Amino acid sequence: MFELSDSWELFTALERLDLLQNSQPLWWPQHGTFEVVVGAILTQNTQWTRVTVSLENLAHAGVLTLEALSEIDPETLMELIRPSGLIKAKAKNIIQLCQAILEDFGSFEAFVQGVTREWLLRQKGIGPETADSILCYACEREVMVVDSYTARLLRAFGYEFENYGDLQEWCERGIREHCDESTLQRTFAHFHGMIAEYVKHNSNGKRVMVSPLFQKN
């Protein structure tokens, strides 16, 4: 088994593969916009290609805004997001989240500046991964998103974590030790994106192949 000392070693190995050369600057499409908030909920338990169709449906219907989604008829929203699955729960959670943002912050811009992780986790249907996706990619905060791809890749190196927080802490620690504060947010976003792209293209069933990370270019 290949040995991995810390997350910085993994980050630099992934970076050598230039996995994000054709991606958005922060990997997640439309980063820094309200669309990320909706996409973070829609992507739960489904593939991003399906989320893209749902987001296009919302945009074409002219309702991909905080105000419009806070007032939309639930049945209408369910039809628009049908490609993403779990439409009843996701529609309800999107509407309630939009209403809560307007009630507590008044606008998306104020939400970006003032929202906390604790506030997000109090909202229906928002777990740690979704909350951190919103903080990292919509609010552009210094937060590392970890997910099933992250856990699978590190499992290939013999690492097992009891919970989301432990996995996140391990990933963030090595990056914080080597990066300047001004670059942390972009580095965390790139790290998460590189992991996702690598695992998607270097898996054999549930097994992630790690040897390509150590091949000389």
Protein backbone atom coordinates (compact mmCIF):
# COMPACT_ATOMS: atom_id res chain seq x y z
CA MET A 1 0.00 0.00 0.00
CA PHE A 2 1.23 3.51 -0.82
CA GLU A 3 1.83 5.60 2.28
CA LEU A 4 0.35 9.06 2.68
CA SER A 5 1.67 11.31 5.43
CA ASP A 6 -0.82 14.17 5.34
CA SER A 7 -3.36 16.01 3.20
CA TRP A 8 -0.75 18.34 1.72
CA GLU A 9 1.06 15.37 0.18
CA LEU A 10 -2.24 14.24 -1.33
CA PHE A 11 -3.01 17.75 -2.58
CA THR A 12 0.35 18.12 -4.34
CA ALA A 13 0.07 14.65 -5.90
CA LEU A 14 -3.37 15.51 -7.28
CA GLU A 15 -2.22 18.90 -8.49
CA ARG A 16 0.51 17.32 -10.63
CA LEU A 17 -2.21 15.56 -12.63
CA ASP A 18 -3.78 18.91 -13.69
CA LEU A 19 -7.28 17.52 -13.14
CA LEU A 20 -9.09 20.87 -13.19
CA GLN A 21 -7.59 22.35 -16.34
CA ASN A 22 -11.01 22.53 -18.03
CA SER A 23 -13.05 23.37 -14.93
CA GLN A 24 -14.47 26.56 -13.50
CA PRO A 25 -11.99 28.70 -11.47
CA LEU A 26 -13.30 27.26 -8.20
CA TRP A 27 -14.51 23.98 -9.76
CA TRP A 28 -18.18 24.38 -8.76
CA PRO A 29 -20.13 26.05 -11.61
CA GLN A 30 -21.39 29.58 -10.92
CA HIS A 31 -19.45 29.82 -7.64
CA GLY A 32 -20.28 32.88 -5.59
CA THR A 33 -23.91 32.95 -6.75
CA PHE A 34 -27.30 31.93 -5.40
CA GLU A 35 -27.39 29.07 -7.89
CA VAL A 36 -24.84 27.22 -5.73
CA VAL A 37 -27.27 27.19 -2.79
CA VAL A 38 -29.93 25.49 -4.90
CA GLY A 39 -27.43 23.14 -6.52
CA ALA A 40 -26.06 22.07 -3.14
CA ILE A 41 -29.50 20.80 -2.15
CA LEU A 42 -30.33 19.27 -5.53
CA THR A 43 -27.08 17.30 -5.67
CA GLN A 44 -27.92 15.30 -2.55
CA ASN A 45 -28.09 11.59 -3.44
CA THR A 46 -27.88 12.12 -7.19
CA GLN A 47 -25.46 12.78 -10.03
CA TRP A 48 -24.40 16.29 -11.01
CA THR A 49 -25.51 15.75 -14.61
CA ARG A 50 -29.09 15.44 -13.31
CA VAL A 51 -28.68 18.55 -11.19
CA THR A 52 -27.57 20.49 -14.26
CA VAL A 53 -30.82 19.64 -16.03
CA SER A 54 -32.85 20.77 -13.02
CA LEU A 55 -30.94 24.05 -12.78
CA GLU A 56 -31.49 24.66 -16.48
CA ASN A 57 -35.21 24.02 -16.00
CA LEU A 58 -35.32 26.57 -13.19
CA ALA A 59 -33.39 29.12 -15.21
CA HIS A 60 -35.57 28.69 -18.31
CA ALA A 61 -38.68 29.09 -16.13
CA GLY A 62 -37.25 32.33 -14.75
CA VAL A 63 -37.39 31.19 -11.12
CA LEU A 64 -33.73 30.64 -10.27
CA THR A 65 -33.70 33.52 -7.80
CA LEU A 66 -34.02 33.71 -4.04
CA GLU A 67 -37.25 35.70 -4.20
CA ALA A 68 -38.92 33.54 -6.84
CA LEU A 69 -38.14 30.26 -5.09
CA SER A 70 -39.38 31.59 -1.77
CA GLU A 71 -42.85 32.06 -3.32
CA ILE A 72 -43.04 29.27 -5.90
CA ASP A 73 -45.84 26.71 -5.85
CA PRO A 74 -44.37 23.43 -4.50
CA GLU A 75 -45.94 21.33 -7.27
CA THR A 76 -44.40 23.57 -9.92
CA LEU A 77 -41.00 23.35 -8.28
CA MET A 78 -41.23 19.57 -8.02
CA GLU A 79 -41.77 19.27 -11.76
CA LEU A 80 -38.87 21.57 -12.56
CA ILE A 81 -36.42 19.66 -10.36
CA ARG A 82 -37.71 16.17 -11.21
CA PRO A 83 -34.41 15.09 -12.87
CA SER A 84 -32.66 15.41 -9.48
CA GLY A 85 -34.93 12.95 -7.68
CA LEU A 86 -36.37 13.12 -4.14
CA ILE A 87 -38.43 15.98 -5.50
CA LYS A 88 -40.93 16.35 -2.65
CA ALA A 89 -38.29 16.71 0.07
CA LYS A 90 -35.94 18.82 -2.03
CA ALA A 91 -38.67 21.20 -3.16
CA LYS A 92 -39.85 21.69 0.41
CA ASN A 93 -36.32 22.26 1.68
CA ILE A 94 -35.46 24.74 -1.08
CA ILE A 95 -38.59 26.80 -0.45
CA GLN A 96 -38.12 26.80 3.32
CA LEU A 97 -34.44 27.71 3.03
CA CYS A 98 -35.19 30.61 0.68
CA GLN A 99 -37.87 31.89 3.02
CA ALA A 100 -35.50 31.63 5.99
CA ILE A 101 -32.75 33.49 4.13
CA LEU A 102 -35.10 36.35 3.31
CA GLU A 103 -36.52 36.44 6.82
CA ASP A 104 -33.17 36.39 8.63
CA PHE A 105 -30.90 38.20 6.15
CA GLY A 106 -33.11 40.04 3.68
CA SER A 107 -31.01 39.30 0.59
CA PHE A 108 -28.55 36.81 -0.82
CA GLU A 109 -25.73 39.34 -0.50
CA ALA A 110 -26.39 39.78 3.22
CA PHE A 111 -26.68 36.02 3.61
CA VAL A 112 -23.23 35.55 2.05
CA GLN A 113 -21.72 38.01 4.50
CA GLY A 114 -23.54 36.95 7.66
CA VAL A 115 -24.51 33.28 7.51
CA THR A 116 -22.84 30.81 9.86
CA ARG A 117 -22.44 27.06 9.65
CA GLU A 118 -24.61 26.73 12.75
CA TRP A 119 -27.44 28.64 11.08
CA LEU A 120 -27.27 26.43 8.01
CA LEU A 121 -27.30 23.22 10.04
CA ARG A 122 -30.49 24.36 11.77
CA GLN A 123 -32.30 24.43 8.43
CA LYS A 124 -34.35 21.45 7.30
CA GLY A 125 -32.47 19.17 4.90
CA ILE A 126 -29.07 20.82 5.39
CA GLY A 127 -26.38 18.47 6.68
CA PRO A 128 -22.64 19.11 7.09
CA GLU A 129 -21.68 18.43 3.47
CA THR A 130 -24.43 20.64 2.06
CA ALA A 131 -23.70 23.40 4.57
CA ASP A 132 -19.99 23.36 3.76
CA SER A 133 -20.68 23.33 0.02
CA ILE A 134 -22.76 26.48 0.44
CA LEU A 135 -20.13 28.13 2.64
CA CYS A 136 -17.22 27.23 0.35
CA TYR A 137 -18.73 27.76 -3.09
CA ALA A 138 -21.61 30.22 -2.60
CA CYS A 139 -20.13 32.30 0.24
CA GLU A 140 -16.48 31.65 -0.68
CA ARG A 141 -15.45 30.90 2.89
CA GLU A 142 -12.34 29.02 4.05
CA VAL A 143 -14.10 25.66 4.42
CA MET A 144 -13.09 22.25 3.07
CA VAL A 145 -15.96 20.16 1.73
CA VAL A 146 -15.52 16.42 2.19
CA ASP A 147 -17.78 13.75 0.76
CA SER A 148 -18.01 10.08 -0.19
CA TYR A 149 -15.31 10.58 -2.84
CA THR A 150 -12.94 11.91 -0.16
CA ALA A 151 -13.65 9.00 2.17
CA ARG A 152 -13.18 6.46 -0.64
CA LEU A 153 -9.84 7.92 -1.72
CA LEU A 154 -8.43 8.01 1.79
CA ARG A 155 -9.72 4.52 2.50
CA ALA A 156 -7.49 3.36 -0.36
CA PHE A 157 -4.56 4.66 1.69
CA GLY A 158 -5.75 2.84 4.81
CA TYR A 159 -7.39 5.82 6.50
CA GLU A 160 -10.75 5.35 8.20
CA PHE A 161 -12.66 8.17 9.90
CA GLU A 162 -15.49 7.86 12.40
CA ASN A 163 -17.43 10.86 11.14
CA TYR A 164 -17.57 13.80 8.74
CA GLY A 165 -15.83 16.14 11.20
CA ASP A 166 -12.80 13.90 11.64
CA LEU A 167 -12.40 13.48 7.88
CA GLN A 168 -12.71 17.22 7.33
CA GLU A 169 -10.23 18.03 10.10
CA TRP A 170 -7.62 15.68 8.59
CA CYS A 171 -8.03 17.21 5.14
CA GLU A 172 -7.88 20.79 6.37
CA ARG A 173 -4.94 20.37 8.76
CA GLY A 174 -2.23 19.63 6.21
CA ILE A 175 -3.44 22.41 3.92
CA ARG A 176 -3.49 25.00 6.71
CA GLU A 177 0.06 24.08 7.67
CA HIS A 178 1.37 24.85 4.19
CA CYS A 179 -0.85 27.61 2.79
CA ASP A 180 -1.11 31.32 3.41
CA GLU A 181 -4.46 32.50 4.82
CA SER A 182 -5.16 34.46 1.65
CA THR A 183 -5.10 31.30 -0.48
CA LEU A 184 -6.95 28.89 1.82
CA GLN A 185 -10.43 29.22 0.31
CA ARG A 186 -9.25 28.65 -3.24
CA THR A 187 -6.99 25.80 -2.12
CA PHE A 188 -9.79 24.04 -0.23
CA ALA A 189 -12.10 24.41 -3.23
CA HIS A 190 -9.47 23.02 -5.59
CA PHE A 191 -8.65 20.15 -3.23
CA HIS A 192 -12.29 19.07 -3.04
CA GLY A 193 -12.68 19.39 -6.81
CA MET A 194 -9.51 17.45 -7.58
CA ILE A 195 -10.53 14.61 -5.27
CA ALA A 196 -13.95 14.33 -6.91
CA GLU A 197 -12.52 14.36 -10.44
CA TYR A 198 -9.78 11.87 -9.57
CA VAL A 199 -12.08 9.33 -7.92
CA LYS A 200 -14.63 9.56 -10.73
CA HIS A 201 -11.98 8.61 -13.28
CA ASN A 202 -9.77 6.24 -11.27
CA SER A 203 -12.16 3.80 -9.67
CA ASN A 204 -12.70 0.12 -10.30
CA GLY A 205 -16.09 -0.47 -8.75
CA LYS A 206 -15.81 0.83 -5.19
CA ARG A 207 -12.02 0.53 -5.19
CA VAL A 208 -10.00 3.66 -5.91
CA MET A 209 -6.68 3.15 -7.68
CA VAL A 210 -3.97 5.32 -6.13
CA SER A 211 -0.93 4.32 -8.21
CA PRO A 212 -1.56 7.06 -10.87
CA LEU A 213 -0.92 9.63 -8.13
CA PHE A 214 2.70 8.53 -7.82
CA GLN A 215 3.60 8.01 -11.45
CA LYS A 216 6.22 10.39 -12.81
CA ASN A 217 4.95 12.83 -15.44
